[in-house]
């Protein structure tokens, strides 16, 4: 599958339930969407954090994308 989109959105979600629930990292790139348990996605979360720090320190403005739709 070739991904041609240039903009991606990533967000963390967690279910609201009376019992402990896992947090998930969700990433949307064009029409493709990926969900990973946050515990399993730690390297991805760390890389996204590092990317944001790099972009902010370089004086670039990070634009917030559209809010993701709930499924």
PDB file of N, CA and C in Angstrom:
ATOM      1  N   UNK A   1       0.847  -1.162   0.000  1.00  0.00           N
ATOM      2  CA  UNK A   1       0.000   0.000   0.000  1.00  0.00           C
ATOM      3  C   UNK A   1       0.892   1.225   0.000  1.00  0.00           C
ATOM      4  N   UNK A   2       0.703   2.112  -0.928  1.00  0.00           N
ATOM      5  CA  UNK A   2       1.465   3.352  -0.976  1.00  0.00           C
ATOM      6  C   UNK A   2       0.719   4.470  -0.277  1.00  0.00           C
ATOM      7  N   UNK A   3       1.406   5.177   0.605  1.00  0.00           N
ATOM      8  CA  UNK A   3       0.793   6.298   1.306  1.00  0.00           C
ATOM      9  C   UNK A   3       1.296   7.582   0.675  1.00  0.00           C
ATOM     10  N   UNK A   4       0.375   8.353   0.094  1.00  0.00           N
ATOM     11  CA  UNK A   4       0.773   9.570  -0.594  1.00  0.00           C
ATOM     12  C   UNK A   4       0.399  10.829   0.186  1.00  0.00           C
ATOM     13  N   UNK A   5      -0.346  10.712   1.259  1.00  0.00           N
ATOM     14  CA  UNK A   5      -0.737  11.888   2.048  1.00  0.00           C
ATOM     15  C   UNK A   5       0.489  12.491   2.721  1.00  0.00           C
ATOM     16  N   UNK A   6       0.499  13.800   2.835  1.00  0.00           N
ATOM     17  CA  UNK A   6       1.633  14.492   3.441  1.00  0.00           C
ATOM     18  C   UNK A   6       1.334  14.917   4.875  1.00  0.00           C
ATOM     19  N   UNK A   7       0.078  14.934   5.267  1.00  0.00           N
ATOM     20  CA  UNK A   7      -0.305  15.355   6.608  1.00  0.00           C
ATOM     21  C   UNK A   7      -0.891  14.179   7.364  1.00  0.00           C
ATOM     22  N   UNK A   8      -0.509  14.074   8.620  1.00  0.00           N
ATOM     23  CA  UNK A   8      -1.024  12.994   9.467  1.00  0.00           C
ATOM     24  C   UNK A   8      -1.517  13.598  10.771  1.00  0.00           C
ATOM     25  N   UNK A   9      -2.394  12.862  11.430  1.00  0.00           N
ATOM     26  CA  UNK A   9      -2.911  13.256  12.733  1.00  0.00           C
ATOM     27  C   UNK A   9      -2.701  12.086  13.681  1.00  0.00           C
ATOM     28  N   UNK A  10      -2.232  12.385  14.878  1.00  0.00           N
ATOM     29  CA  UNK A  10      -2.040  11.353  15.905  1.00  0.00           C
ATOM     30  C   UNK A  10      -2.690  11.842  17.193  1.00  0.00           C
ATOM     31  N   UNK A  11      -3.376  10.943  17.894  1.00  0.00           N
ATOM     32  CA  UNK A  11      -4.002  11.305  19.158  1.00  0.00           C
ATOM     33  C   UNK A  11      -4.091  10.086  20.059  1.00  0.00           C
ATOM     34  N   UNK A  12      -4.206  10.330  21.355  1.00  0.00           N
ATOM     35  CA  UNK A  12      -4.360   9.261  22.344  1.00  0.00           C
ATOM     36  C   UNK A  12      -5.818   9.192  22.756  1.00  0.00           C
ATOM     37  N   UNK A  13      -6.330   7.970  22.924  1.00  0.00           N
ATOM     38  CA  UNK A  13      -7.703   7.789  23.381  1.00  0.00           C
ATOM     39  C   UNK A  13      -7.719   6.777  24.523  1.00  0.00           C
ATOM     40  N   UNK A  14      -8.756   6.863  25.332  1.00  0.00           N
ATOM     41  CA  UNK A  14      -8.957   5.908  26.410  1.00  0.00           C
ATOM     42  C   UNK A  14     -10.450   5.806  26.660  1.00  0.00           C
ATOM     43  N   UNK A  15     -10.940   4.613  26.830  1.00  0.00           N
ATOM     44  CA  UNK A  15     -12.365   4.409  27.079  1.00  0.00           C
ATOM     45  C   UNK A  15     -12.720   4.879  28.485  1.00  0.00           C
ATOM     46  N   UNK A  16     -13.923   5.380  28.634  1.00  0.00           N
ATOM     47  CA  UNK A  16     -14.439   5.746  29.957  1.00  0.00           C
ATOM     48  C   UNK A  16     -15.299   4.591  30.438  1.00  0.00           C
ATOM     49  N   UNK A  17     -14.800   3.848  31.377  1.00  0.00           N
ATOM     50  CA  UNK A  17     -15.514   2.690  31.897  1.00  0.00           C
ATOM     51  C   UNK A  17     -15.220   2.560  33.382  1.00  0.00           C
ATOM     52  N   UNK A  18     -16.043   1.834  34.105  1.00  0.00           N
ATOM     53  CA  UNK A  18     -15.800   1.674  35.543  1.00  0.00           C
ATOM     54  C   UNK A  18     -14.682   0.681  35.859  1.00  0.00           C
ATOM     55  N   UNK A  19     -13.973   0.215  34.863  1.00  0.00           N
ATOM     56  CA  UNK A  19     -12.847  -0.692  35.065  1.00  0.00           C
ATOM     57  C   UNK A  19     -11.639  -0.125  34.314  1.00  0.00           C
ATOM     58  N   UNK A  20     -10.433  -0.543  34.671  1.00  0.00           N
ATOM     59  CA  UNK A  20      -9.243  -0.026  33.979  1.00  0.00           C
ATOM     60  C   UNK A  20      -9.275  -0.358  32.484  1.00  0.00           C
ATOM     61  N   UNK A  21      -8.926   0.619  31.671  1.00  0.00           N
ATOM     62  CA  UNK A  21      -8.903   0.437  30.214  1.00  0.00           C
ATOM     63  C   UNK A  21      -7.543   0.870  29.680  1.00  0.00           C
ATOM     64  N   UNK A  22      -7.155   0.282  28.576  1.00  0.00           N
ATOM     65  CA  UNK A  22      -5.901   0.649  27.921  1.00  0.00           C
ATOM     66  C   UNK A  22      -6.061   1.951  27.152  1.00  0.00           C
ATOM     67  N   UNK A  23      -4.980   2.707  27.098  1.00  0.00           N
ATOM     68  CA  UNK A  23      -4.928   3.884  26.225  1.00  0.00           C
ATOM     69  C   UNK A  23      -4.432   3.422  24.862  1.00  0.00           C
ATOM     70  N   UNK A  24      -4.908   4.075  23.814  1.00  0.00           N
ATOM     71  CA  UNK A  24      -4.514   3.729  22.457  1.00  0.00           C
ATOM     72  C   UNK A  24      -3.968   4.945  21.743  1.00  0.00           C
ATOM     73  N   UNK A  25      -2.922   4.743  20.969  1.00  0.00           N
ATOM     74  CA  UNK A  25      -2.411   5.754  20.059  1.00  0.00           C
ATOM     75  C   UNK A  25      -3.086   5.496  18.719  1.00  0.00           C
ATOM     76  N   UNK A  26      -3.727   6.525  18.200  1.00  0.00           N
ATOM     77  CA  UNK A  26      -4.382   6.409  16.899  1.00  0.00           C
ATOM     78  C   UNK A  26      -3.690   7.377  15.945  1.00  0.00           C
ATOM     79  N   UNK A  27      -3.389   6.884  14.756  1.00  0.00           N
ATOM     80  CA  UNK A  27      -2.712   7.686  13.739  1.00  0.00           C
ATOM     81  C   UNK A  27      -3.526   7.590  12.457  1.00  0.00           C
ATOM     82  N   UNK A  28      -3.813   8.745  11.857  1.00  0.00           N
ATOM     83  CA  UNK A  28      -4.525   8.772  10.584  1.00  0.00           C
ATOM     84  C   UNK A  28      -3.659   9.494   9.577  1.00  0.00           C
ATOM     85  N   UNK A  29      -3.421   8.843   8.456  1.00  0.00           N
ATOM     86  CA  UNK A  29      -2.628   9.391   7.364  1.00  0.00           C
ATOM     87  C   UNK A  29      -3.426   9.175   6.091  1.00  0.00           C
ATOM     88  N   UNK A  30      -4.009  10.242   5.587  1.00  0.00           N
ATOM     89  CA  UNK A  30      -4.888  10.105   4.432  1.00  0.00           C
ATOM     90  C   UNK A  30      -6.072   9.230   4.798  1.00  0.00           C
ATOM     91  N   UNK A  31      -6.311   8.192   4.016  1.00  0.00           N
ATOM     92  CA  UNK A  31      -7.407   7.257   4.278  1.00  0.00           C
ATOM     93  C   UNK A  31      -7.002   6.141   5.240  1.00  0.00           C
ATOM     94  N   UNK A  32      -5.710   6.000   5.504  1.00  0.00           N
ATOM     95  CA  UNK A  32      -5.215   4.917   6.369  1.00  0.00           C
ATOM     96  C   UNK A  32      -5.303   5.329   7.831  1.00  0.00           C
ATOM     97  N   UNK A  33      -5.717   4.396   8.673  1.00  0.00           N
ATOM     98  CA  UNK A  33      -5.794   4.643  10.102  1.00  0.00           C
ATOM     99  C   UNK A  33      -5.199   3.456  10.846  1.00  0.00           C
ATOM    100  N   UNK A  34      -4.424   3.755  11.867  1.00  0.00           N
ATOM    101  CA  UNK A  34      -3.735   2.732  12.643  1.00  0.00           C
ATOM    102  C   UNK A  34      -4.001   2.976  14.112  1.00  0.00           C
ATOM    103  N   UNK A  35      -4.301   1.910  14.864  1.00  0.00           N
ATOM    104  CA  UNK A  35      -4.500   1.994  16.306  1.00  0.00           C
ATOM    105  C   UNK A  35      -3.558   1.013  16.983  1.00  0.00           C
ATOM    106  N   UNK A  36      -2.816   1.515  17.975  1.00  0.00           N
ATOM    107  CA  UNK A  36      -1.892   0.689  18.749  1.00  0.00           C
ATOM    108  C   UNK A  36      -2.124   0.948  20.226  1.00  0.00           C
ATOM    109  N   UNK A  37      -2.018  -0.099  21.046  1.00  0.00           N
ATOM    110  CA  UNK A  37      -2.046   0.130  22.489  1.00  0.00           C
ATOM    111  C   UNK A  37      -0.890   1.053  22.836  1.00  0.00           C
ATOM    112  N   UNK A  38      -1.136   2.028  23.686  1.00  0.00           N
ATOM    113  CA  UNK A  38      -0.097   3.002  24.026  1.00  0.00           C
ATOM    114  C   UNK A  38       1.136   2.318  24.604  1.00  0.00           C
ATOM    115  N   UNK A  39       0.945   1.253  25.384  1.00  0.00           N
ATOM    116  CA  UNK A  39       2.092   0.525  25.938  1.00  0.00           C
ATOM    117  C   UNK A  39       2.971  -0.048  24.818  1.00  0.00           C
ATOM    118  N   UNK A  40       2.337  -0.553  23.771  1.00  0.00           N
ATOM    119  CA  UNK A  40       3.077  -1.131  22.649  1.00  0.00           C
ATOM    120  C   UNK A  40       3.639  -0.055  21.724  1.00  0.00           C
ATOM    121  N   UNK A  41       3.045   1.132  21.768  1.00  0.00           N
ATOM    122  CA  UNK A  41       3.425   2.208  20.856  1.00  0.00           C
ATOM    123  C   UNK A  41       4.447   3.165  21.471  1.00  0.00           C
ATOM    124  N   UNK A  42       5.021   2.813  22.605  1.00  0.00           N
ATOM    125  CA  UNK A  42       5.960   3.718  23.296  1.00  0.00           C
ATOM    126  C   UNK A  42       7.048   4.258  22.361  1.00  0.00           C
ATOM    127  N   UNK A  43       7.688   3.443  21.508  1.00  0.00           N
ATOM    128  CA  UNK A  43       8.701   4.001  20.598  1.00  0.00           C
ATOM    129  C   UNK A  43       8.115   5.039  19.627  1.00  0.00           C
ATOM    130  N   UNK A  44       6.880   4.813  19.183  1.00  0.00           N
ATOM    131  CA  UNK A  44       6.239   5.753  18.262  1.00  0.00           C
ATOM    132  C   UNK A  44       5.913   7.056  18.999  1.00  0.00           C
ATOM    133  N   UNK A  45       5.379   6.936  20.221  1.00  0.00           N
ATOM    134  CA  UNK A  45       5.055   8.123  21.017  1.00  0.00           C
ATOM    135  C   UNK A  45       6.324   8.924  21.299  1.00  0.00           C
ATOM    136  N   UNK A  46       7.402   8.234  21.654  1.00  0.00           N
ATOM    137  CA  UNK A  46       8.676   8.917  21.897  1.00  0.00           C
ATOM    138  C   UNK A  46       9.169   9.637  20.647  1.00  0.00           C
ATOM    139  N   UNK A  47       9.041   8.990  19.486  1.00  0.00           N
ATOM    140  CA  UNK A  47       9.486   9.610  18.228  1.00  0.00           C
ATOM    141  C   UNK A  47       8.621  10.826  17.888  1.00  0.00           C
ATOM    142  N   UNK A  48       7.304  10.732  18.101  1.00  0.00           N
ATOM    143  CA  UNK A  48       6.422  11.875  17.846  1.00  0.00           C
ATOM    144  C   UNK A  48       6.760  13.031  18.788  1.00  0.00           C
ATOM    145  N   UNK A  49       7.030  12.720  20.047  1.00  0.00           N
ATOM    146  CA  UNK A  49       7.400  13.756  21.015  1.00  0.00           C
ATOM    147  C   UNK A  49       8.698  14.448  20.595  1.00  0.00           C
ATOM    148  N   UNK A  50       9.681  13.654  20.183  1.00  0.00           N
ATOM    149  CA  UNK A  50      10.953  14.220  19.745  1.00  0.00           C
ATOM    150  C   UNK A  50      10.763  15.100  18.505  1.00  0.00           C
ATOM    151  N   UNK A  51       9.893  14.676  17.600  1.00  0.00           N
ATOM    152  CA  UNK A  51       9.624  15.452  16.396  1.00  0.00           C
ATOM    153  C   UNK A  51       8.989  16.795  16.748  1.00  0.00           C
ATOM    154  N   UNK A  52       8.050  16.787  17.690  1.00  0.00           N
ATOM    155  CA  UNK A  52       7.401  18.023  18.110  1.00  0.00           C
ATOM    156  C   UNK A  52       8.395  18.972  18.785  1.00  0.00           C
ATOM    157  N   UNK A  53       9.260  18.428  19.629  1.00  0.00           N
ATOM    158  CA  UNK A  53      10.278  19.256  20.279  1.00  0.00           C
ATOM    159  C   UNK A  53      11.205  19.854  19.235  1.00  0.00           C
ATOM    160  N   UNK A  54      11.621  19.063  18.266  1.00  0.00           N
ATOM    161  CA  UNK A  54      12.502  19.551  17.207  1.00  0.00           C
ATOM    162  C   UNK A  54      11.825  20.670  16.415  1.00  0.00           C
ATOM    163  N   UNK A  55      10.576  20.457  16.042  1.00  0.00           N
ATOM    164  CA  UNK A  55       9.861  21.464  15.256  1.00  0.00           C
ATOM    165  C   UNK A  55       9.677  22.748  16.067  1.00  0.00           C
ATOM    166  N   UNK A  56       9.365  22.621  17.344  1.00  0.00           N
ATOM    167  CA  UNK A  56       9.158  23.802  18.187  1.00  0.00           C
ATOM    168  C   UNK A  56      10.479  24.546  18.408  1.00  0.00           C
ATOM    169  N   UNK A  57      11.572  23.840  18.569  1.00  0.00           N
ATOM    170  CA  UNK A  57      12.851  24.489  18.825  1.00  0.00           C
ATOM    171  C   UNK A  57      13.414  25.157  17.574  1.00  0.00           C
ATOM    172  N   UNK A  58      12.933  24.735  16.415  1.00  0.00           N
ATOM    173  CA  UNK A  58      13.393  25.294  15.148  1.00  0.00           C
ATOM    174  C   UNK A  58      12.601  26.544  14.780  1.00  0.00           C
ATOM    175  N   UNK A  59      11.672  26.927  15.641  1.00  0.00           N
ATOM    176  CA  UNK A  59      10.870  28.113  15.388  1.00  0.00           C
ATOM    177  C   UNK A  59       9.707  27.890  14.448  1.00  0.00           C
ATOM    178  N   UNK A  60       9.416  26.648  14.117  1.00  0.00           N
ATOM    179  CA  UNK A  60       8.295  26.367  13.229  1.00  0.00           C
ATOM    180  C   UNK A  60       7.012  26.288  14.046  1.00  0.00           C
ATOM    181  N   UNK A  61       5.920  26.717  13.461  1.00  0.00           N
ATOM    182  CA  UNK A  61       4.619  26.638  14.115  1.00  0.00           C
ATOM    183  C   UNK A  61       4.006  25.296  13.772  1.00  0.00           C
ATOM    184  N   UNK A  62       3.519  24.621  14.784  1.00  0.00           N
ATOM    185  CA  UNK A  62       2.865  23.334  14.572  1.00  0.00           C
ATOM    186  C   UNK A  62       1.368  23.588  14.499  1.00  0.00           C
ATOM    187  N   UNK A  63       0.781  23.355  13.331  1.00  0.00           N
ATOM    188  CA  UNK A  63      -0.646  23.586  13.145  1.00  0.00           C
ATOM    189  C   UNK A  63      -1.432  22.390  13.635  1.00  0.00           C
ATOM    190  N   UNK A  64      -2.510  22.666  14.318  1.00  0.00           N
ATOM    191  CA  UNK A  64      -3.378  21.592  14.795  1.00  0.00           C
ATOM    192  C   UNK A  64      -4.326  21.224  13.665  1.00  0.00           C
ATOM    193  N   UNK A  65      -4.412  19.940  13.388  1.00  0.00           N
ATOM    194  CA  UNK A  65      -5.276  19.459  12.315  1.00  0.00           C
ATOM    195  C   UNK A  65      -6.714  19.358  12.765  1.00  0.00           C
ATOM    196  N   UNK A  66      -7.593  18.898  11.900  1.00  0.00           N
ATOM    197  CA  UNK A  66      -9.010  18.755  12.258  1.00  0.00           C
ATOM    198  C   UNK A  66      -9.176  17.682  13.328  1.00  0.00           C
ATOM    199  N   UNK A  67     -10.184  17.833  14.150  1.00  0.00           N
ATOM    200  CA  UNK A  67     -10.472  16.856  15.182  1.00  0.00           C
ATOM    201  C   UNK A  67     -10.847  15.522  14.527  1.00  0.00           C
ATOM    202  N   UNK A  68     -10.327  14.408  15.047  1.00  0.00           N
ATOM    203  CA  UNK A  68     -10.668  13.096  14.477  1.00  0.00           C
ATOM    204  C   UNK A  68     -12.127  12.755  14.748  1.00  0.00           C
ATOM    205  N   UNK A  69     -12.721  12.020  13.833  1.00  0.00           N
ATOM    206  CA  UNK A  69     -14.103  11.594  14.021  1.00  0.00           C
ATOM    207  C   UNK A  69     -14.129  10.334  14.866  1.00  0.00           C
ATOM    208  N   UNK A  70     -15.125  10.212  15.710  1.00  0.00           N
ATOM    209  CA  UNK A  70     -15.276   9.022  16.556  1.00  0.00           C
ATOM    210  C   UNK A  70     -15.915   7.912  15.741  1.00  0.00           C
ATOM    211  N   UNK A  71     -15.457   6.699  15.955  1.00  0.00           N
ATOM    212  CA  UNK A  71     -16.043   5.544  15.239  1.00  0.00           C
ATOM    213  C   UNK A  71     -16.748   4.659  16.214  1.00  0.00           C
TER     214      UNK A  71
END
